Amino acid sequence: MTSETTPNGEQTTTPDQPAAAVESKGGELQISNSAGNTENKDQFNEVKAQVLSVLSDLFGIVGHFFSEYKKPLINVALVVGALVALYLTLSVIDAINDIPLLSPIFELVGIGYSGWFIFRFLLTAEARKELQSKIVNFTNRVTGS
């Protein structure tokens, strides 16, 4: 330790080696702290060991996750796939609808089909009963009742 005198006349003591030293080796700046250096190395080694243990078991963890949650993951994938298919279908329909003469033709086909459906199933009471029985039969087949 060295003793120094300040301009006020007070004496201060400073250690011979600084608490933190800055070294430059080959263009790299290295800062070393002699007092806390071993504590930092111990903490770093603990964290490093934890990270390496998780990374070494990563395939086992992921495999266990997929085997445990197989059905929900399949359901999520199906929903995402259905949404992508719906988006693509709507995009194709929008692209076809932008073709100049096809949009009015599709509207005429829709109006014609709606007119046929009304004439066939909704005008008479017998036709409405027939439509109702078809709907009931279809729902029974779907629900299994």
N, C-alpha and C. Protein backbone atom coordinates (compact mmCIF):
# COMPACT_ATOMS: atom_id res chain seq x y z
N MET A 1 0.84 -1.17 0.00
CA MET A 1 0.00 0.00 0.00
C MET A 1 0.89 1.23 0.00
N THR A 2 0.44 2.22 -0.73
CA THR A 2 1.20 3.46 -0.78
C THR A 2 0.40 4.56 -0.12
N SER A 3 1.11 5.51 0.41
CA SER A 3 0.47 6.62 1.11
C SER A 3 0.62 7.87 0.25
N GLU A 4 -0.49 8.58 0.06
CA GLU A 4 -0.47 9.80 -0.73
C GLU A 4 -1.09 10.93 0.07
N THR A 5 -0.68 12.15 -0.24
CA THR A 5 -1.22 13.33 0.42
C THR A 5 -2.08 14.09 -0.57
N THR A 6 -3.29 14.44 -0.15
CA THR A 6 -4.19 15.19 -1.01
C THR A 6 -3.87 16.68 -0.90
N PRO A 7 -4.40 17.52 -1.80
CA PRO A 7 -4.15 18.97 -1.71
C PRO A 7 -4.65 19.58 -0.40
N ASN A 8 -5.58 18.96 0.28
CA ASN A 8 -6.09 19.48 1.55
C ASN A 8 -5.18 19.12 2.70
N GLY A 9 -4.18 18.30 2.47
CA GLY A 9 -3.27 17.91 3.53
C GLY A 9 -3.64 16.60 4.18
N GLU A 10 -4.65 15.90 3.66
CA GLU A 10 -5.06 14.62 4.23
C GLU A 10 -4.25 13.51 3.57
N GLN A 11 -3.97 12.50 4.35
CA GLN A 11 -3.23 11.37 3.80
C GLN A 11 -4.20 10.23 3.49
N THR A 12 -4.04 9.66 2.31
CA THR A 12 -4.86 8.52 1.92
C THR A 12 -3.94 7.38 1.54
N THR A 13 -4.43 6.19 1.75
CA THR A 13 -3.64 5.01 1.37
C THR A 13 -4.36 4.31 0.23
N THR A 14 -3.59 3.89 -0.74
CA THR A 14 -4.15 3.16 -1.88
C THR A 14 -3.44 1.83 -1.99
N PRO A 15 -4.12 0.79 -2.42
CA PRO A 15 -3.48 -0.50 -2.56
C PRO A 15 -2.47 -0.46 -3.72
N ASP A 16 -1.47 -1.36 -3.63
CA ASP A 16 -0.44 -1.41 -4.67
C ASP A 16 -1.02 -1.87 -6.00
N GLN A 17 -1.98 -2.80 -5.96
CA GLN A 17 -2.60 -3.26 -7.20
C GLN A 17 -4.04 -2.75 -7.24
N PRO A 18 -4.47 -2.31 -8.37
CA PRO A 18 -5.85 -1.83 -8.46
C PRO A 18 -6.84 -2.99 -8.35
N ALA A 19 -8.07 -2.64 -7.96
CA ALA A 19 -9.11 -3.66 -7.81
C ALA A 19 -9.49 -4.24 -9.16
N ALA A 20 -9.44 -3.43 -10.19
CA ALA A 20 -9.75 -3.91 -11.53
C ALA A 20 -8.63 -3.48 -12.46
N ALA A 21 -8.14 -4.41 -13.22
CA ALA A 21 -7.07 -4.12 -14.15
C ALA A 21 -7.58 -4.31 -15.57
N VAL A 22 -7.14 -3.44 -16.45
CA VAL A 22 -7.53 -3.52 -17.84
C VAL A 22 -6.30 -3.90 -18.64
N GLU A 23 -6.39 -4.99 -19.36
CA GLU A 23 -5.27 -5.46 -20.16
C GLU A 23 -5.71 -5.53 -21.61
N SER A 24 -4.77 -5.30 -22.50
CA SER A 24 -5.05 -5.40 -23.92
C SER A 24 -4.10 -6.42 -24.51
N LYS A 25 -4.69 -7.49 -25.07
CA LYS A 25 -3.88 -8.55 -25.68
C LYS A 25 -4.39 -8.78 -27.09
N GLY A 26 -3.60 -8.46 -28.05
CA GLY A 26 -3.94 -8.76 -29.44
C GLY A 26 -5.22 -8.11 -29.90
N GLY A 27 -5.50 -6.91 -29.48
CA GLY A 27 -6.70 -6.21 -29.93
C GLY A 27 -7.93 -6.51 -29.10
N GLU A 28 -7.84 -7.42 -28.12
CA GLU A 28 -8.98 -7.73 -27.26
C GLU A 28 -8.81 -7.01 -25.94
N LEU A 29 -9.88 -6.47 -25.45
CA LEU A 29 -9.87 -5.78 -24.18
C LEU A 29 -10.32 -6.75 -23.10
N GLN A 30 -9.47 -6.97 -22.11
CA GLN A 30 -9.80 -7.90 -21.04
C GLN A 30 -9.79 -7.16 -19.72
N ILE A 31 -10.86 -7.32 -18.98
CA ILE A 31 -10.97 -6.68 -17.67
C ILE A 31 -10.95 -7.79 -16.63
N SER A 32 -10.05 -7.68 -15.69
CA SER A 32 -9.99 -8.71 -14.65
C SER A 32 -10.13 -8.04 -13.30
N ASN A 33 -10.85 -8.69 -12.43
CA ASN A 33 -11.06 -8.21 -11.08
C ASN A 33 -10.54 -9.30 -10.17
N SER A 34 -9.46 -9.05 -9.51
CA SER A 34 -8.81 -10.10 -8.73
C SER A 34 -9.65 -10.55 -7.54
N ALA A 35 -10.42 -9.66 -6.93
CA ALA A 35 -11.17 -10.01 -5.74
C ALA A 35 -12.40 -10.84 -6.08
N GLY A 36 -13.21 -10.42 -7.06
CA GLY A 36 -14.46 -11.10 -7.36
C GLY A 36 -14.34 -12.06 -8.53
N ASN A 37 -13.15 -12.27 -9.04
CA ASN A 37 -12.97 -13.09 -10.22
C ASN A 37 -13.33 -14.55 -9.96
N THR A 38 -12.97 -15.09 -8.82
CA THR A 38 -13.28 -16.49 -8.53
C THR A 38 -14.77 -16.70 -8.30
N GLU A 39 -15.43 -15.71 -7.69
CA GLU A 39 -16.88 -15.83 -7.49
C GLU A 39 -17.61 -15.82 -8.83
N ASN A 40 -17.19 -14.95 -9.73
CA ASN A 40 -17.81 -14.89 -11.05
C ASN A 40 -17.58 -16.18 -11.82
N LYS A 41 -16.39 -16.74 -11.72
CA LYS A 41 -16.10 -18.00 -12.41
C LYS A 41 -16.96 -19.13 -11.87
N ASP A 42 -17.16 -19.15 -10.55
CA ASP A 42 -18.00 -20.19 -9.96
C ASP A 42 -19.45 -20.05 -10.44
N GLN A 43 -19.97 -18.82 -10.44
CA GLN A 43 -21.34 -18.61 -10.92
C GLN A 43 -21.45 -18.97 -12.40
N PHE A 44 -20.45 -18.57 -13.18
CA PHE A 44 -20.46 -18.88 -14.61
C PHE A 44 -20.44 -20.39 -14.83
N ASN A 45 -19.63 -21.10 -14.06
CA ASN A 45 -19.55 -22.55 -14.22
C ASN A 45 -20.86 -23.23 -13.82
N GLU A 46 -21.54 -22.71 -12.79
CA GLU A 46 -22.83 -23.27 -12.39
C GLU A 46 -23.87 -23.07 -13.49
N VAL A 47 -23.95 -21.86 -14.01
CA VAL A 47 -24.91 -21.58 -15.08
C VAL A 47 -24.57 -22.39 -16.32
N LYS A 48 -23.30 -22.50 -16.63
CA LYS A 48 -22.86 -23.27 -17.79
C LYS A 48 -23.25 -24.74 -17.63
N ALA A 49 -23.10 -25.29 -16.44
CA ALA A 49 -23.47 -26.68 -16.21
C ALA A 49 -24.98 -26.87 -16.35
N GLN A 50 -25.77 -25.93 -15.85
CA GLN A 50 -27.23 -26.03 -15.98
C GLN A 50 -27.65 -25.96 -17.44
N VAL A 51 -27.08 -25.03 -18.18
CA VAL A 51 -27.43 -24.88 -19.60
C VAL A 51 -27.04 -26.12 -20.38
N LEU A 52 -25.86 -26.65 -20.12
CA LEU A 52 -25.42 -27.85 -20.84
C LEU A 52 -26.27 -29.06 -20.49
N SER A 53 -26.72 -29.17 -19.24
CA SER A 53 -27.58 -30.31 -18.89
C SER A 53 -28.93 -30.22 -19.59
N VAL A 54 -29.48 -29.01 -19.68
CA VAL A 54 -30.76 -28.84 -20.39
C VAL A 54 -30.58 -29.12 -21.87
N LEU A 55 -29.51 -28.61 -22.47
CA LEU A 55 -29.28 -28.83 -23.90
C LEU A 55 -29.01 -30.30 -24.22
N SER A 56 -28.34 -31.01 -23.32
CA SER A 56 -28.07 -32.42 -23.59
C SER A 56 -29.35 -33.26 -23.50
N ASP A 57 -30.30 -32.84 -22.70
CA ASP A 57 -31.57 -33.56 -22.57
C ASP A 57 -32.66 -32.97 -23.46
N LEU A 58 -32.32 -32.05 -24.36
CA LEU A 58 -33.31 -31.34 -25.14
C LEU A 58 -34.15 -32.27 -26.00
N PHE A 59 -33.52 -33.22 -26.69
CA PHE A 59 -34.28 -34.13 -27.54
C PHE A 59 -35.22 -35.01 -26.71
N GLY A 60 -34.79 -35.42 -25.55
CA GLY A 60 -35.65 -36.21 -24.67
C GLY A 60 -36.83 -35.40 -24.17
N ILE A 61 -36.58 -34.15 -23.81
CA ILE A 61 -37.64 -33.27 -23.32
C ILE A 61 -38.66 -33.01 -24.42
N VAL A 62 -38.18 -32.69 -25.63
CA VAL A 62 -39.09 -32.42 -26.74
C VAL A 62 -39.87 -33.67 -27.12
N GLY A 63 -39.20 -34.83 -27.14
CA GLY A 63 -39.89 -36.08 -27.45
C GLY A 63 -40.96 -36.41 -26.43
N HIS A 64 -40.66 -36.22 -25.17
CA HIS A 64 -41.64 -36.47 -24.11
C HIS A 64 -42.82 -35.50 -24.24
N PHE A 65 -42.54 -34.24 -24.55
CA PHE A 65 -43.61 -33.25 -24.72
C PHE A 65 -44.54 -33.66 -25.86
N PHE A 66 -43.97 -34.06 -27.01
CA PHE A 66 -44.81 -34.44 -28.14
C PHE A 66 -45.57 -35.73 -27.88
N SER A 67 -44.98 -36.67 -27.16
CA SER A 67 -45.71 -37.90 -26.87
C SER A 67 -46.83 -37.66 -25.86
N GLU A 68 -46.62 -36.74 -24.93
CA GLU A 68 -47.64 -36.47 -23.92
C GLU A 68 -48.81 -35.65 -24.49
N TYR A 69 -48.52 -34.71 -25.38
CA TYR A 69 -49.55 -33.82 -25.91
C TYR A 69 -49.79 -34.08 -27.39
N LYS A 70 -49.82 -35.34 -27.78
CA LYS A 70 -49.95 -35.69 -29.19
C LYS A 70 -51.30 -35.26 -29.77
N LYS A 71 -52.38 -35.61 -29.11
CA LYS A 71 -53.71 -35.28 -29.64
C LYS A 71 -53.98 -33.78 -29.69
N PRO A 72 -53.69 -33.01 -28.64
CA PRO A 72 -53.91 -31.56 -28.76
C PRO A 72 -53.06 -30.92 -29.85
N LEU A 73 -51.83 -31.41 -30.02
CA LEU A 73 -50.98 -30.85 -31.07
C LEU A 73 -51.53 -31.17 -32.45
N ILE A 74 -52.08 -32.38 -32.61
CA ILE A 74 -52.70 -32.74 -33.89
C ILE A 74 -53.91 -31.85 -34.15
N ASN A 75 -54.71 -31.61 -33.11
CA ASN A 75 -55.88 -30.73 -33.27
C ASN A 75 -55.47 -29.31 -33.65
N VAL A 76 -54.44 -28.80 -33.00
CA VAL A 76 -53.97 -27.46 -33.33
C VAL A 76 -53.46 -27.42 -34.77
N ALA A 77 -52.73 -28.46 -35.18
CA ALA A 77 -52.23 -28.51 -36.56
C ALA A 77 -53.38 -28.57 -37.56
N LEU A 78 -54.42 -29.33 -37.24
CA LEU A 78 -55.57 -29.40 -38.14
C LEU A 78 -56.30 -28.07 -38.25
N VAL A 79 -56.46 -27.38 -37.13
CA VAL A 79 -57.11 -26.07 -37.15
C VAL A 79 -56.28 -25.08 -37.97
N VAL A 80 -54.97 -25.08 -37.75
CA VAL A 80 -54.10 -24.18 -38.51
C VAL A 80 -54.15 -24.53 -40.00
N GLY A 81 -54.14 -25.83 -40.31
CA GLY A 81 -54.23 -26.26 -41.70
C GLY A 81 -55.55 -25.85 -42.34
N ALA A 82 -56.65 -25.97 -41.58
CA ALA A 82 -57.95 -25.55 -42.10
C ALA A 82 -57.98 -24.05 -42.36
N LEU A 83 -57.39 -23.27 -41.45
CA LEU A 83 -57.36 -21.82 -41.65
C LEU A 83 -56.52 -21.45 -42.87
N VAL A 84 -55.40 -22.14 -43.06
CA VAL A 84 -54.57 -21.87 -44.24
C VAL A 84 -55.32 -22.25 -45.51
N ALA A 85 -56.01 -23.39 -45.49
CA ALA A 85 -56.79 -23.81 -46.67
C ALA A 85 -57.91 -22.81 -46.96
N LEU A 86 -58.58 -22.33 -45.92
CA LEU A 86 -59.63 -21.33 -46.11
C LEU A 86 -59.07 -20.04 -46.70
N TYR A 87 -57.93 -19.61 -46.18
CA TYR A 87 -57.29 -18.40 -46.69
C TYR A 87 -56.91 -18.56 -48.16
N LEU A 88 -56.33 -19.70 -48.50
CA LEU A 88 -55.95 -19.94 -49.90
C LEU A 88 -57.18 -20.01 -50.81
N THR A 89 -58.23 -20.66 -50.34
CA THR A 89 -59.46 -20.75 -51.14
C THR A 89 -60.05 -19.36 -51.38
N LEU A 90 -60.11 -18.56 -50.33
CA LEU A 90 -60.64 -17.20 -50.50
C LEU A 90 -59.76 -16.36 -51.41
N SER A 91 -58.46 -16.58 -51.35
CA SER A 91 -57.55 -15.85 -52.24
C SER A 91 -57.79 -16.24 -53.69
N VAL A 92 -57.98 -17.54 -53.95
CA VAL A 92 -58.23 -17.99 -55.32
C VAL A 92 -59.57 -17.44 -55.82
N ILE A 93 -60.59 -17.47 -54.97
CA ILE A 93 -61.90 -16.95 -55.36
C ILE A 93 -61.80 -15.45 -55.64
N ASP A 94 -61.06 -14.73 -54.82
CA ASP A 94 -60.89 -13.29 -55.05
C ASP A 94 -60.15 -13.03 -56.35
N ALA A 95 -59.14 -13.86 -56.64
CA ALA A 95 -58.41 -13.69 -57.90
C ALA A 95 -59.31 -13.97 -59.10
N ILE A 96 -60.13 -15.01 -59.00
CA ILE A 96 -61.07 -15.33 -60.09
C ILE A 96 -62.11 -14.23 -60.22
N ASN A 97 -62.53 -13.69 -59.10
CA ASN A 97 -63.56 -12.64 -59.11
C ASN A 97 -63.04 -11.35 -59.75
N ASP A 98 -61.72 -11.16 -59.77
CA ASP A 98 -61.16 -9.97 -60.39
C ASP A 98 -61.12 -10.05 -61.92
N ILE A 99 -61.34 -11.24 -62.48
CA ILE A 99 -61.39 -11.38 -63.94
C ILE A 99 -62.68 -10.70 -64.41
N PRO A 100 -62.62 -9.82 -65.39
CA PRO A 100 -63.75 -8.94 -65.71
C PRO A 100 -65.09 -9.63 -65.95
N LEU A 101 -65.21 -10.64 -66.78
CA LEU A 101 -66.53 -11.18 -67.10
C LEU A 101 -66.99 -12.31 -66.18
N LEU A 102 -66.08 -12.86 -65.38
CA LEU A 102 -66.47 -14.00 -64.55
C LEU A 102 -67.33 -13.60 -63.36
N SER A 103 -67.11 -12.42 -62.81
CA SER A 103 -67.89 -11.99 -61.64
C SER A 103 -69.39 -11.91 -61.95
N PRO A 104 -69.82 -11.26 -63.03
CA PRO A 104 -71.26 -11.25 -63.33
C PRO A 104 -71.82 -12.63 -63.66
N ILE A 105 -71.00 -13.48 -64.30
CA ILE A 105 -71.47 -14.84 -64.62
C ILE A 105 -71.72 -15.62 -63.33
N PHE A 106 -70.80 -15.51 -62.37
CA PHE A 106 -71.00 -16.20 -61.09
C PHE A 106 -72.23 -15.67 -60.36
N GLU A 107 -72.49 -14.39 -60.44
CA GLU A 107 -73.68 -13.82 -59.81
C GLU A 107 -74.94 -14.37 -60.47
N LEU A 108 -74.94 -14.48 -61.78
CA LEU A 108 -76.11 -15.04 -62.48
C LEU A 108 -76.32 -16.50 -62.12
N VAL A 109 -75.23 -17.26 -62.02
CA VAL A 109 -75.35 -18.67 -61.62
C VAL A 109 -75.93 -18.76 -60.21
N GLY A 110 -75.47 -17.91 -59.29
CA GLY A 110 -75.99 -17.91 -57.93
C GLY A 110 -77.45 -17.54 -57.86
N ILE A 111 -77.85 -16.55 -58.63
CA ILE A 111 -79.26 -16.15 -58.66
C ILE A 111 -80.11 -17.27 -59.24
N GLY A 112 -79.63 -17.90 -60.30
CA GLY A 112 -80.37 -19.00 -60.92
C GLY A 112 -80.52 -20.18 -59.97
N TYR A 113 -79.45 -20.55 -59.25
CA TYR A 113 -79.52 -21.66 -58.32
C TYR A 113 -80.47 -21.33 -57.17
N SER A 114 -80.42 -20.11 -56.67
CA SER A 114 -81.34 -19.71 -55.59
C SER A 114 -82.78 -19.79 -56.05
N GLY A 115 -83.05 -19.35 -57.28
CA GLY A 115 -84.42 -19.44 -57.82
C GLY A 115 -84.87 -20.89 -57.94
N TRP A 116 -83.99 -21.77 -58.44
CA TRP A 116 -84.34 -23.19 -58.56
C TRP A 116 -84.62 -23.78 -57.19
N PHE A 117 -83.80 -23.45 -56.16
CA PHE A 117 -83.99 -23.99 -54.81
C PHE A 117 -85.33 -23.54 -54.25
N ILE A 118 -85.67 -22.28 -54.42
CA ILE A 118 -86.96 -21.78 -53.93
C ILE A 118 -88.11 -22.49 -54.64
N PHE A 119 -88.01 -22.62 -55.95
CA PHE A 119 -89.07 -23.28 -56.71
C PHE A 119 -89.19 -24.75 -56.32
N ARG A 120 -88.07 -25.42 -56.10
CA ARG A 120 -88.07 -26.86 -55.85
C ARG A 120 -88.47 -27.20 -54.41
N PHE A 121 -87.99 -26.45 -53.41
CA PHE A 121 -88.16 -26.87 -52.02
C PHE A 121 -89.02 -25.96 -51.15
N LEU A 122 -89.30 -24.75 -51.55
CA LEU A 122 -89.97 -23.83 -50.63
C LEU A 122 -91.36 -23.36 -51.05
N LEU A 123 -91.79 -23.60 -52.27
CA LEU A 123 -93.09 -23.07 -52.70
C LEU A 123 -94.26 -23.84 -52.15
N THR A 124 -94.22 -25.15 -52.14
CA THR A 124 -95.37 -25.95 -51.70
C THR A 124 -95.10 -26.58 -50.35
N ALA A 125 -96.19 -26.93 -49.66
CA ALA A 125 -96.07 -27.55 -48.34
C ALA A 125 -95.42 -28.93 -48.44
N GLU A 126 -95.75 -29.70 -49.49
CA GLU A 126 -95.15 -31.03 -49.66
C GLU A 126 -93.64 -30.92 -49.84
N ALA A 127 -93.20 -29.94 -50.61
CA ALA A 127 -91.77 -29.77 -50.86
C ALA A 127 -91.04 -29.36 -49.58
N ARG A 128 -91.70 -28.52 -48.76
CA ARG A 128 -91.09 -28.13 -47.49
C ARG A 128 -90.97 -29.31 -46.55
N LYS A 129 -91.99 -30.20 -46.50
CA LYS A 129 -91.92 -31.40 -45.67
C LYS A 129 -90.81 -32.33 -46.17
N GLU A 130 -90.67 -32.45 -47.48
CA GLU A 130 -89.61 -33.28 -48.05
C GLU A 130 -88.23 -32.72 -47.66
N LEU A 131 -88.06 -31.41 -47.75
CA LEU A 131 -86.79 -30.78 -47.36
C LEU A 131 -86.52 -30.99 -45.88
N GLN A 132 -87.57 -30.87 -45.05
CA GLN A 132 -87.40 -31.06 -43.61
C GLN A 132 -86.98 -32.50 -43.32
N SER A 133 -87.58 -33.48 -43.98
CA SER A 133 -87.21 -34.88 -43.74
C SER A 133 -85.77 -35.14 -44.21
N LYS A 134 -85.35 -34.53 -45.32
CA LYS A 134 -83.97 -34.68 -45.77
C LYS A 134 -82.99 -34.10 -44.75
N ILE A 135 -83.34 -32.95 -44.19
CA ILE A 135 -82.47 -32.32 -43.19
C ILE A 135 -82.39 -33.18 -41.94
N VAL A 136 -83.52 -33.73 -41.49
CA VAL A 136 -83.53 -34.59 -40.30
C VAL A 136 -82.71 -35.85 -40.55
N ASN A 137 -82.88 -36.48 -41.72
CA ASN A 137 -82.09 -37.67 -42.05
C ASN A 137 -80.59 -37.36 -42.07
N PHE A 138 -80.24 -36.23 -42.63
CA PHE A 138 -78.83 -35.85 -42.69
C PHE A 138 -78.26 -35.62 -41.29
N THR A 139 -79.00 -34.92 -40.44
CA THR A 139 -78.51 -34.67 -39.08
C THR A 139 -78.41 -35.96 -38.28
N ASN A 140 -79.33 -36.91 -38.51
CA ASN A 140 -79.25 -38.20 -37.83
C ASN A 140 -78.02 -38.98 -38.28
N ARG A 141 -77.69 -38.93 -39.56
CA ARG A 141 -76.50 -39.62 -40.05
C ARG A 141 -75.23 -39.00 -39.49
N VAL A 142 -75.21 -37.68 -39.37
CA VAL A 142 -74.01 -37.00 -38.88
C VAL A 142 -73.83 -37.22 -37.38
N THR A 143 -74.91 -37.08 -36.62
CA THR A 143 -74.81 -37.21 -35.16
C THR A 143 -74.88 -38.65 -34.69
N GLY A 144 -75.33 -39.56 -35.53
CA GLY A 144 -75.40 -40.97 -35.14
C GLY A 144 -76.63 -41.30 -34.32
N SER A 145 -77.65 -40.49 -34.35
CA SER A 145 -78.87 -40.73 -33.57
C SER A 145 -79.80 -41.68 -34.29
